[in-house]
Amino acid sequence: MRLLLMSDTHLPKRARRLPAPLLAELPHADVVLHAGDWVDTAALDLLESHSRRLIGVYGNNDGPELRARLPEVAYAELDGLRFGVIHETGSAGGREARCAARFPDLDVLVFGHSHIPWDTTAPTGLRLLNPGSPTDRRRQPHCTYMTATLTGGRLTEVELHRLPPRV
């Protein structure tokens, strides 16, 4: 099972559209996970119509229309692994312990908000993944997203993709 992870798309404020390399991944993804800050419902509509399965949440920049369509936290079991998606997890310091305590029944937590890619594992085994942002790199050298593969109940081939600069 192939996963496509993204967050903080901020359309159309940070970009007019999602980057072509990210959109090219959609047909290959069995599940798309979006960790919030869509900003515009058009981005949600686009991903809903082009994804086999979409799991998304709202973020702090998402207004009433998006909040009416998306949960604050989403849960799904994928190939035997228990996933959670949330926008914000707080400061980087103590993140693993804080998330492991809040989500003791999860195997993987996908989050966003910071626009900073993150891939760590808490002592409890909880894997924390932040794909960064495909449209707003902030203080990062590149805009980013992630892909991953689920095989036999294991998360493998987690890859951070760097996008070329917008022209």
N, C-alpha and C. Protein backbone atom coordinates (compact mmCIF):
# COMPACT_ATOMS: atom_id res chain seq x y z
N MET A 1 0.86 -1.17 0.00
CA MET A 1 0.00 0.00 0.00
C MET A 1 0.90 1.23 0.00
N ARG A 2 0.64 2.14 -0.92
CA ARG A 2 1.45 3.36 -1.04
C ARG A 2 0.69 4.53 -0.40
N LEU A 3 1.41 5.31 0.41
CA LEU A 3 0.85 6.47 1.10
C LEU A 3 1.49 7.75 0.56
N LEU A 4 0.69 8.79 0.48
CA LEU A 4 1.16 10.13 0.15
C LEU A 4 0.79 11.03 1.31
N LEU A 5 1.79 11.67 1.93
CA LEU A 5 1.59 12.51 3.10
C LEU A 5 1.90 13.96 2.77
N MET A 6 0.98 14.85 3.18
CA MET A 6 1.21 16.27 2.98
C MET A 6 0.52 17.06 4.10
N SER A 7 0.91 18.31 4.21
CA SER A 7 0.31 19.19 5.19
C SER A 7 0.55 20.63 4.76
N ASP A 8 -0.17 21.54 5.36
CA ASP A 8 0.09 22.96 5.22
C ASP A 8 0.18 23.41 3.76
N THR A 9 -0.85 23.07 3.00
CA THR A 9 -0.88 23.47 1.59
C THR A 9 -1.22 24.95 1.42
N HIS A 10 -1.97 25.52 2.33
CA HIS A 10 -2.23 26.97 2.36
C HIS A 10 -2.62 27.55 1.01
N LEU A 11 -3.52 26.88 0.30
CA LEU A 11 -3.96 27.38 -1.00
C LEU A 11 -5.14 28.33 -0.82
N PRO A 12 -5.22 29.39 -1.55
CA PRO A 12 -4.27 29.89 -2.55
C PRO A 12 -3.32 30.95 -2.01
N LYS A 13 -3.15 31.02 -0.70
CA LYS A 13 -2.32 32.07 -0.11
C LYS A 13 -0.83 31.89 -0.36
N ARG A 14 -0.32 30.68 -0.21
CA ARG A 14 1.12 30.44 -0.37
C ARG A 14 1.48 29.98 -1.77
N ALA A 15 0.50 29.48 -2.50
CA ALA A 15 0.68 29.07 -3.90
C ALA A 15 -0.70 29.04 -4.54
N ARG A 16 -0.74 29.20 -5.84
CA ARG A 16 -2.03 29.16 -6.54
C ARG A 16 -2.53 27.74 -6.71
N ARG A 17 -1.59 26.79 -6.79
CA ARG A 17 -1.97 25.38 -7.00
C ARG A 17 -0.93 24.47 -6.35
N LEU A 18 -1.31 23.23 -6.20
CA LEU A 18 -0.36 22.24 -5.68
C LEU A 18 0.71 21.97 -6.73
N PRO A 19 1.94 21.73 -6.32
CA PRO A 19 3.02 21.51 -7.28
C PRO A 19 2.78 20.26 -8.13
N ALA A 20 3.17 20.34 -9.39
CA ALA A 20 2.98 19.24 -10.34
C ALA A 20 3.59 17.92 -9.87
N PRO A 21 4.80 17.90 -9.29
CA PRO A 21 5.33 16.61 -8.83
C PRO A 21 4.47 15.95 -7.74
N LEU A 22 3.87 16.76 -6.89
CA LEU A 22 2.98 16.24 -5.86
C LEU A 22 1.71 15.69 -6.50
N LEU A 23 1.12 16.43 -7.42
CA LEU A 23 -0.09 15.96 -8.10
C LEU A 23 0.18 14.68 -8.89
N ALA A 24 1.39 14.55 -9.43
CA ALA A 24 1.75 13.35 -10.19
C ALA A 24 1.79 12.10 -9.31
N GLU A 25 1.93 12.29 -8.00
CA GLU A 25 1.94 11.16 -7.06
C GLU A 25 0.54 10.62 -6.78
N LEU A 26 -0.49 11.43 -6.98
CA LEU A 26 -1.86 11.04 -6.61
C LEU A 26 -2.30 9.71 -7.22
N PRO A 27 -2.09 9.46 -8.52
CA PRO A 27 -2.56 8.19 -9.08
C PRO A 27 -1.84 6.96 -8.51
N HIS A 28 -0.69 7.16 -7.91
CA HIS A 28 0.10 6.05 -7.37
C HIS A 28 -0.20 5.78 -5.89
N ALA A 29 -0.95 6.68 -5.26
CA ALA A 29 -1.21 6.57 -3.82
C ALA A 29 -2.52 5.82 -3.57
N ASP A 30 -2.44 4.84 -2.70
CA ASP A 30 -3.65 4.15 -2.26
C ASP A 30 -4.39 5.00 -1.22
N VAL A 31 -3.61 5.74 -0.41
CA VAL A 31 -4.17 6.60 0.62
C VAL A 31 -3.38 7.90 0.65
N VAL A 32 -4.12 9.02 0.69
CA VAL A 32 -3.52 10.34 0.85
C VAL A 32 -3.86 10.83 2.25
N LEU A 33 -2.85 11.27 3.00
CA LEU A 33 -3.06 11.82 4.34
C LEU A 33 -2.65 13.29 4.33
N HIS A 34 -3.57 14.16 4.77
CA HIS A 34 -3.31 15.60 4.79
C HIS A 34 -3.52 16.09 6.22
N ALA A 35 -2.47 16.70 6.79
CA ALA A 35 -2.49 17.09 8.21
C ALA A 35 -2.88 18.55 8.43
N GLY A 36 -3.77 19.08 7.60
CA GLY A 36 -4.38 20.37 7.89
C GLY A 36 -3.70 21.60 7.34
N ASP A 37 -4.39 22.72 7.51
CA ASP A 37 -4.07 24.01 6.92
C ASP A 37 -4.19 23.94 5.39
N TRP A 38 -5.38 23.57 4.96
CA TRP A 38 -5.75 23.58 3.55
C TRP A 38 -5.99 25.03 3.11
N VAL A 39 -6.69 25.79 3.94
CA VAL A 39 -7.11 27.19 3.80
C VAL A 39 -8.31 27.33 2.86
N ASP A 40 -8.30 26.67 1.72
CA ASP A 40 -9.39 26.80 0.75
C ASP A 40 -10.05 25.44 0.52
N THR A 41 -11.36 25.41 0.46
CA THR A 41 -12.08 24.15 0.22
C THR A 41 -11.76 23.56 -1.15
N ALA A 42 -11.30 24.38 -2.10
CA ALA A 42 -10.95 23.86 -3.43
C ALA A 42 -9.84 22.81 -3.34
N ALA A 43 -8.91 22.98 -2.42
CA ALA A 43 -7.84 21.99 -2.25
C ALA A 43 -8.41 20.67 -1.74
N LEU A 44 -9.33 20.74 -0.80
CA LEU A 44 -9.99 19.53 -0.30
C LEU A 44 -10.79 18.87 -1.42
N ASP A 45 -11.53 19.65 -2.18
CA ASP A 45 -12.32 19.10 -3.29
C ASP A 45 -11.41 18.40 -4.31
N LEU A 46 -10.30 19.03 -4.63
CA LEU A 46 -9.35 18.45 -5.58
C LEU A 46 -8.83 17.11 -5.09
N LEU A 47 -8.37 17.07 -3.84
CA LEU A 47 -7.81 15.81 -3.32
C LEU A 47 -8.89 14.74 -3.15
N GLU A 48 -10.08 15.14 -2.76
CA GLU A 48 -11.17 14.17 -2.65
C GLU A 48 -11.49 13.54 -4.01
N SER A 49 -11.45 14.34 -5.04
CA SER A 49 -11.83 13.84 -6.37
C SER A 49 -10.71 13.06 -7.06
N HIS A 50 -9.47 13.24 -6.62
CA HIS A 50 -8.34 12.57 -7.28
C HIS A 50 -7.64 11.53 -6.41
N SER A 51 -8.17 11.24 -5.25
CA SER A 51 -7.56 10.27 -4.33
C SER A 51 -8.44 9.03 -4.22
N ARG A 52 -7.80 7.88 -4.16
CA ARG A 52 -8.56 6.66 -3.90
C ARG A 52 -9.18 6.71 -2.52
N ARG A 53 -8.38 7.19 -1.56
CA ARG A 53 -8.86 7.37 -0.19
C ARG A 53 -8.12 8.56 0.39
N LEU A 54 -8.86 9.47 1.01
CA LEU A 54 -8.28 10.66 1.62
C LEU A 54 -8.60 10.66 3.10
N ILE A 55 -7.56 10.87 3.90
CA ILE A 55 -7.72 11.03 5.35
C ILE A 55 -7.14 12.40 5.68
N GLY A 56 -7.99 13.31 6.14
CA GLY A 56 -7.54 14.66 6.40
C GLY A 56 -8.14 15.23 7.66
N VAL A 57 -7.51 16.30 8.14
CA VAL A 57 -7.97 17.02 9.32
C VAL A 57 -7.88 18.51 9.03
N TYR A 58 -8.55 19.30 9.87
CA TYR A 58 -8.42 20.75 9.72
C TYR A 58 -7.27 21.25 10.57
N GLY A 59 -6.74 22.42 10.16
CA GLY A 59 -5.67 23.07 10.91
C GLY A 59 -6.10 24.41 11.44
N ASN A 60 -5.20 25.10 12.09
CA ASN A 60 -5.51 26.37 12.73
C ASN A 60 -5.86 27.48 11.74
N ASN A 61 -5.47 27.35 10.48
CA ASN A 61 -5.79 28.35 9.47
C ASN A 61 -7.04 28.01 8.64
N ASP A 62 -7.71 26.93 9.01
CA ASP A 62 -8.88 26.50 8.27
C ASP A 62 -10.15 27.04 8.90
N GLY A 63 -11.00 27.61 8.05
CA GLY A 63 -12.22 28.25 8.51
C GLY A 63 -13.38 27.29 8.69
N PRO A 64 -14.57 27.84 8.93
CA PRO A 64 -15.75 27.05 9.26
C PRO A 64 -16.14 26.02 8.20
N GLU A 65 -15.97 26.35 6.92
CA GLU A 65 -16.35 25.39 5.87
C GLU A 65 -15.51 24.12 5.95
N LEU A 66 -14.21 24.28 6.12
CA LEU A 66 -13.33 23.11 6.22
C LEU A 66 -13.55 22.38 7.54
N ARG A 67 -13.76 23.12 8.62
CA ARG A 67 -13.99 22.49 9.91
C ARG A 67 -15.30 21.70 9.93
N ALA A 68 -16.26 22.10 9.11
CA ALA A 68 -17.51 21.35 9.02
C ALA A 68 -17.34 20.04 8.27
N ARG A 69 -16.31 19.95 7.43
CA ARG A 69 -16.10 18.76 6.61
C ARG A 69 -15.01 17.83 7.12
N LEU A 70 -14.18 18.33 8.02
CA LEU A 70 -13.01 17.56 8.47
C LEU A 70 -12.96 17.51 10.00
N PRO A 71 -12.41 16.42 10.56
CA PRO A 71 -12.25 16.36 12.01
C PRO A 71 -10.96 17.04 12.46
N GLU A 72 -10.86 17.26 13.75
CA GLU A 72 -9.61 17.78 14.32
C GLU A 72 -8.54 16.68 14.35
N VAL A 73 -8.96 15.46 14.63
CA VAL A 73 -8.08 14.29 14.64
C VAL A 73 -8.77 13.20 13.85
N ALA A 74 -8.03 12.54 12.98
CA ALA A 74 -8.57 11.42 12.20
C ALA A 74 -7.80 10.15 12.55
N TYR A 75 -8.51 9.04 12.53
CA TYR A 75 -7.91 7.74 12.84
C TYR A 75 -8.24 6.77 11.72
N ALA A 76 -7.30 5.88 11.41
CA ALA A 76 -7.55 4.84 10.40
C ALA A 76 -6.60 3.68 10.65
N GLU A 77 -7.09 2.48 10.39
CA GLU A 77 -6.21 1.31 10.40
C GLU A 77 -5.88 0.99 8.95
N LEU A 78 -4.59 0.97 8.65
CA LEU A 78 -4.11 0.70 7.31
C LEU A 78 -3.12 -0.46 7.36
N ASP A 79 -3.45 -1.53 6.69
CA ASP A 79 -2.60 -2.72 6.64
C ASP A 79 -2.16 -3.17 8.04
N GLY A 80 -3.09 -3.07 8.99
CA GLY A 80 -2.81 -3.52 10.34
C GLY A 80 -2.14 -2.49 11.24
N LEU A 81 -1.75 -1.35 10.71
CA LEU A 81 -1.15 -0.29 11.53
C LEU A 81 -2.20 0.76 11.86
N ARG A 82 -2.15 1.26 13.08
CA ARG A 82 -3.10 2.27 13.55
C ARG A 82 -2.49 3.66 13.35
N PHE A 83 -3.13 4.43 12.47
CA PHE A 83 -2.67 5.78 12.11
C PHE A 83 -3.55 6.82 12.77
N GLY A 84 -2.93 7.94 13.10
CA GLY A 84 -3.64 9.13 13.52
C GLY A 84 -3.12 10.29 12.70
N VAL A 85 -3.99 11.26 12.43
CA VAL A 85 -3.59 12.49 11.74
C VAL A 85 -4.11 13.66 12.56
N ILE A 86 -3.23 14.62 12.81
CA ILE A 86 -3.57 15.81 13.59
C ILE A 86 -2.75 16.97 13.02
N HIS A 87 -3.22 18.18 13.21
CA HIS A 87 -2.45 19.30 12.67
C HIS A 87 -1.29 19.68 13.59
N GLU A 88 -1.59 19.96 14.82
CA GLU A 88 -0.58 20.55 15.71
C GLU A 88 -0.27 19.62 16.89
N THR A 89 1.03 19.50 17.18
CA THR A 89 1.46 18.67 18.32
C THR A 89 2.22 19.47 19.37
N GLY A 90 2.33 20.78 19.21
CA GLY A 90 3.07 21.59 20.17
C GLY A 90 4.54 21.71 19.79
N SER A 91 5.32 22.22 20.72
CA SER A 91 6.74 22.48 20.44
C SER A 91 7.51 21.19 20.21
N ALA A 92 8.65 21.32 19.53
CA ALA A 92 9.48 20.16 19.22
C ALA A 92 10.02 19.49 20.48
N GLY A 93 10.36 20.29 21.48
CA GLY A 93 10.88 19.73 22.73
C GLY A 93 9.85 18.87 23.43
N GLY A 94 10.16 17.63 23.65
CA GLY A 94 9.26 16.72 24.35
C GLY A 94 8.13 16.17 23.49
N ARG A 95 8.20 16.41 22.18
CA ARG A 95 7.12 15.98 21.28
C ARG A 95 6.86 14.48 21.35
N GLU A 96 7.91 13.67 21.31
CA GLU A 96 7.72 12.21 21.30
C GLU A 96 6.97 11.74 22.55
N ALA A 97 7.41 12.19 23.71
CA ALA A 97 6.77 11.76 24.96
C ALA A 97 5.33 12.28 25.05
N ARG A 98 5.13 13.52 24.65
CA ARG A 98 3.80 14.13 24.70
C ARG A 98 2.82 13.38 23.78
N CYS A 99 3.25 13.09 22.56
CA CYS A 99 2.38 12.41 21.60
C CYS A 99 2.16 10.95 21.99
N ALA A 100 3.18 10.30 22.50
CA ALA A 100 3.02 8.91 22.94
C ALA A 100 2.02 8.82 24.09
N ALA A 101 2.03 9.80 24.98
CA ALA A 101 1.07 9.80 26.10
C ALA A 101 -0.34 10.11 25.61
N ARG A 102 -0.47 11.01 24.65
CA ARG A 102 -1.80 11.39 24.15
C ARG A 102 -2.40 10.33 23.24
N PHE A 103 -1.54 9.61 22.50
CA PHE A 103 -2.01 8.63 21.51
C PHE A 103 -1.39 7.25 21.78
N PRO A 104 -1.67 6.65 22.93
CA PRO A 104 -1.01 5.39 23.29
C PRO A 104 -1.39 4.21 22.40
N ASP A 105 -2.50 4.31 21.68
CA ASP A 105 -2.95 3.19 20.86
C ASP A 105 -2.56 3.31 19.39
N LEU A 106 -1.76 4.31 19.03
CA LEU A 106 -1.36 4.50 17.64
C LEU A 106 0.01 3.91 17.36
N ASP A 107 0.21 3.55 16.11
CA ASP A 107 1.53 3.13 15.62
C ASP A 107 2.22 4.28 14.89
N VAL A 108 1.43 5.12 14.19
CA VAL A 108 1.98 6.23 13.40
C VAL A 108 1.10 7.45 13.60
N LEU A 109 1.73 8.60 13.83
CA LEU A 109 1.03 9.87 13.93
C LEU A 109 1.59 10.81 12.87
N VAL A 110 0.72 11.26 11.97
CA VAL A 110 1.08 12.24 10.94
C VAL A 110 0.60 13.60 11.42
N PHE A 111 1.48 14.60 11.38
CA PHE A 111 1.13 15.93 11.86
C PHE A 111 1.74 17.00 10.97
N GLY A 112 1.37 18.23 11.19
CA GLY A 112 1.87 19.35 10.40
C GLY A 112 2.15 20.55 11.27
N HIS A 113 1.70 21.71 10.82
CA HIS A 113 1.75 23.00 11.48
C HIS A 113 3.09 23.71 11.37
N SER A 114 4.19 23.05 11.65
CA SER A 114 5.49 23.73 11.71
C SER A 114 6.10 23.97 10.33
N HIS A 115 5.67 23.23 9.32
CA HIS A 115 6.27 23.23 7.98
C HIS A 115 7.68 22.64 8.02
N ILE A 116 8.05 22.01 9.11
CA ILE A 116 9.38 21.43 9.27
C ILE A 116 9.26 19.91 9.20
N PRO A 117 9.89 19.28 8.21
CA PRO A 117 9.82 17.82 8.13
C PRO A 117 10.34 17.16 9.41
N TRP A 118 9.70 16.05 9.77
CA TRP A 118 10.03 15.39 11.03
C TRP A 118 9.79 13.90 10.86
N ASP A 119 10.73 13.09 11.32
CA ASP A 119 10.58 11.63 11.29
C ASP A 119 11.34 11.07 12.48
N THR A 120 10.61 10.78 13.53
CA THR A 120 11.22 10.20 14.72
C THR A 120 10.32 9.09 15.26
N THR A 121 10.87 8.33 16.17
CA THR A 121 10.10 7.28 16.83
C THR A 121 10.23 7.46 18.34
N ALA A 122 9.09 7.51 19.01
CA ALA A 122 9.06 7.64 20.47
C ALA A 122 9.52 6.33 21.10
N PRO A 123 10.00 6.36 22.35
CA PRO A 123 10.41 5.12 23.03
C PRO A 123 9.31 4.06 23.07
N THR A 124 8.06 4.47 22.97
CA THR A 124 6.94 3.51 22.97
C THR A 124 6.76 2.83 21.62
N GLY A 125 7.48 3.33 20.59
CA GLY A 125 7.34 2.78 19.25
C GLY A 125 6.49 3.63 18.32
N LEU A 126 5.85 4.68 18.84
CA LEU A 126 5.03 5.57 18.02
C LEU A 126 5.93 6.30 17.02
N ARG A 127 5.63 6.16 15.74
CA ARG A 127 6.38 6.86 14.69
C ARG A 127 5.69 8.19 14.43
N LEU A 128 6.44 9.28 14.46
CA LEU A 128 5.91 10.62 14.22
C LEU A 128 6.44 11.14 12.89
N LEU A 129 5.52 11.53 12.01
CA LEU A 129 5.90 12.00 10.68
C LEU A 129 5.26 13.34 10.37
N ASN A 130 6.07 14.31 10.00
CA ASN A 130 5.60 15.59 9.50
C ASN A 130 6.19 15.75 8.11
N PRO A 131 5.32 15.81 7.08
CA PRO A 131 5.83 15.93 5.71
C PRO A 131 6.30 17.31 5.31
N GLY A 132 6.24 18.29 6.20
CA GLY A 132 6.57 19.66 5.84
C GLY A 132 5.44 20.26 5.03
N SER A 133 5.76 21.20 4.16
CA SER A 133 4.76 21.86 3.33
C SER A 133 5.20 21.84 1.87
N PRO A 134 4.29 21.49 0.94
CA PRO A 134 4.66 21.52 -0.48
C PRO A 134 4.58 22.91 -1.11
N THR A 135 4.09 23.89 -0.34
CA THR A 135 3.89 25.23 -0.91
C THR A 135 4.54 26.36 -0.13
N ASP A 136 4.95 26.12 1.11
CA ASP A 136 5.49 27.19 1.95
C ASP A 136 6.64 26.64 2.79
N ARG A 137 7.85 26.84 2.33
CA ARG A 137 9.02 26.24 2.99
C ARG A 137 9.43 26.97 4.27
N ARG A 138 8.89 28.15 4.47
CA ARG A 138 9.27 28.98 5.63
C ARG A 138 10.79 29.04 5.75
N ARG A 139 11.34 28.56 6.85
CA ARG A 139 12.79 28.64 7.06
C ARG A 139 13.52 27.38 6.58
N GLN A 140 12.83 26.52 5.85
CA GLN A 140 13.43 25.30 5.34
C GLN A 140 14.05 25.55 3.96
N PRO A 141 15.02 24.73 3.56
CA PRO A 141 15.63 24.95 2.25
C PRO A 141 14.71 24.57 1.08
N HIS A 142 13.71 23.70 1.32
CA HIS A 142 12.85 23.23 0.23
C HIS A 142 11.42 23.07 0.72
N CYS A 143 10.47 23.16 -0.18
CA CYS A 143 9.11 22.69 0.06
C CYS A 143 9.16 21.17 -0.04
N THR A 144 8.32 20.49 0.75
CA THR A 144 8.44 19.03 0.82
C THR A 144 7.08 18.34 0.98
N TYR A 145 7.10 17.03 0.74
CA TYR A 145 6.02 16.11 1.06
C TYR A 145 6.68 14.75 1.28
N MET A 146 5.91 13.77 1.73
CA MET A 146 6.44 12.43 1.99
C MET A 146 5.64 11.37 1.26
N THR A 147 6.31 10.26 0.98
CA THR A 147 5.65 9.04 0.55
C THR A 147 6.12 7.92 1.47
N ALA A 148 5.32 6.88 1.55
CA ALA A 148 5.70 5.71 2.36
C ALA A 148 4.99 4.49 1.79
N THR A 149 5.48 3.34 2.17
CA THR A 149 4.88 2.08 1.75
C THR A 149 4.52 1.27 2.99
N LEU A 150 3.37 0.63 2.94
CA LEU A 150 2.97 -0.32 3.98
C LEU A 150 3.05 -1.71 3.36
N THR A 151 3.84 -2.56 4.00
CA THR A 151 4.00 -3.93 3.53
C THR A 151 3.94 -4.86 4.72
N GLY A 152 2.98 -5.78 4.70
CA GLY A 152 2.89 -6.77 5.76
C GLY A 152 2.78 -6.17 7.14
N GLY A 153 2.02 -5.08 7.27
CA GLY A 153 1.84 -4.46 8.57
C GLY A 153 3.03 -3.66 9.05
N ARG A 154 3.94 -3.32 8.13
CA ARG A 154 5.12 -2.52 8.49
C ARG A 154 5.19 -1.29 7.59
N LEU A 155 5.60 -0.18 8.18
CA LEU A 155 5.81 1.06 7.45
C LEU A 155 7.24 1.05 6.91
N THR A 156 7.38 1.09 5.59
CA THR A 156 8.71 1.03 4.98
C THR A 156 8.83 2.14 3.94
N GLU A 157 10.02 2.33 3.47
CA GLU A 157 10.29 3.27 2.39
C GLU A 157 9.70 4.66 2.65
N VAL A 158 9.85 5.16 3.86
CA VAL A 158 9.41 6.53 4.16
C VAL A 158 10.42 7.46 3.52
N GLU A 159 9.93 8.30 2.61
CA GLU A 159 10.82 9.16 1.85
C GLU A 159 10.32 10.60 1.87
N LEU A 160 11.22 11.52 2.18
CA LEU A 160 10.94 12.95 2.11
C LEU A 160 11.31 13.42 0.72
N HIS A 161 10.36 14.05 0.02
CA HIS A 161 10.59 14.54 -1.33
C HIS A 161 10.75 16.06 -1.29
N ARG A 162 11.84 16.52 -1.85
CA ARG A 162 12.08 17.96 -1.96
C ARG A 162 11.57 18.44 -3.31
N LEU A 163 10.82 19.51 -3.27
CA LEU A 163 10.26 20.07 -4.50
C LEU A 163 11.18 21.16 -5.06
N PRO A 164 11.21 21.27 -6.39
CA PRO A 164 12.03 22.34 -6.96
C PRO A 164 11.42 23.70 -6.64
N PRO A 165 12.24 24.74 -6.65
CA PRO A 165 11.71 26.08 -6.39
C PRO A 165 10.64 26.45 -7.41
N ARG A 166 9.66 27.20 -6.98
CA ARG A 166 8.62 27.68 -7.90
C ARG A 166 9.19 28.76 -8.80
N VAL A 167 8.75 28.73 -10.02
CA VAL A 167 9.21 29.78 -10.97
C VAL A 167 8.07 30.68 -11.36
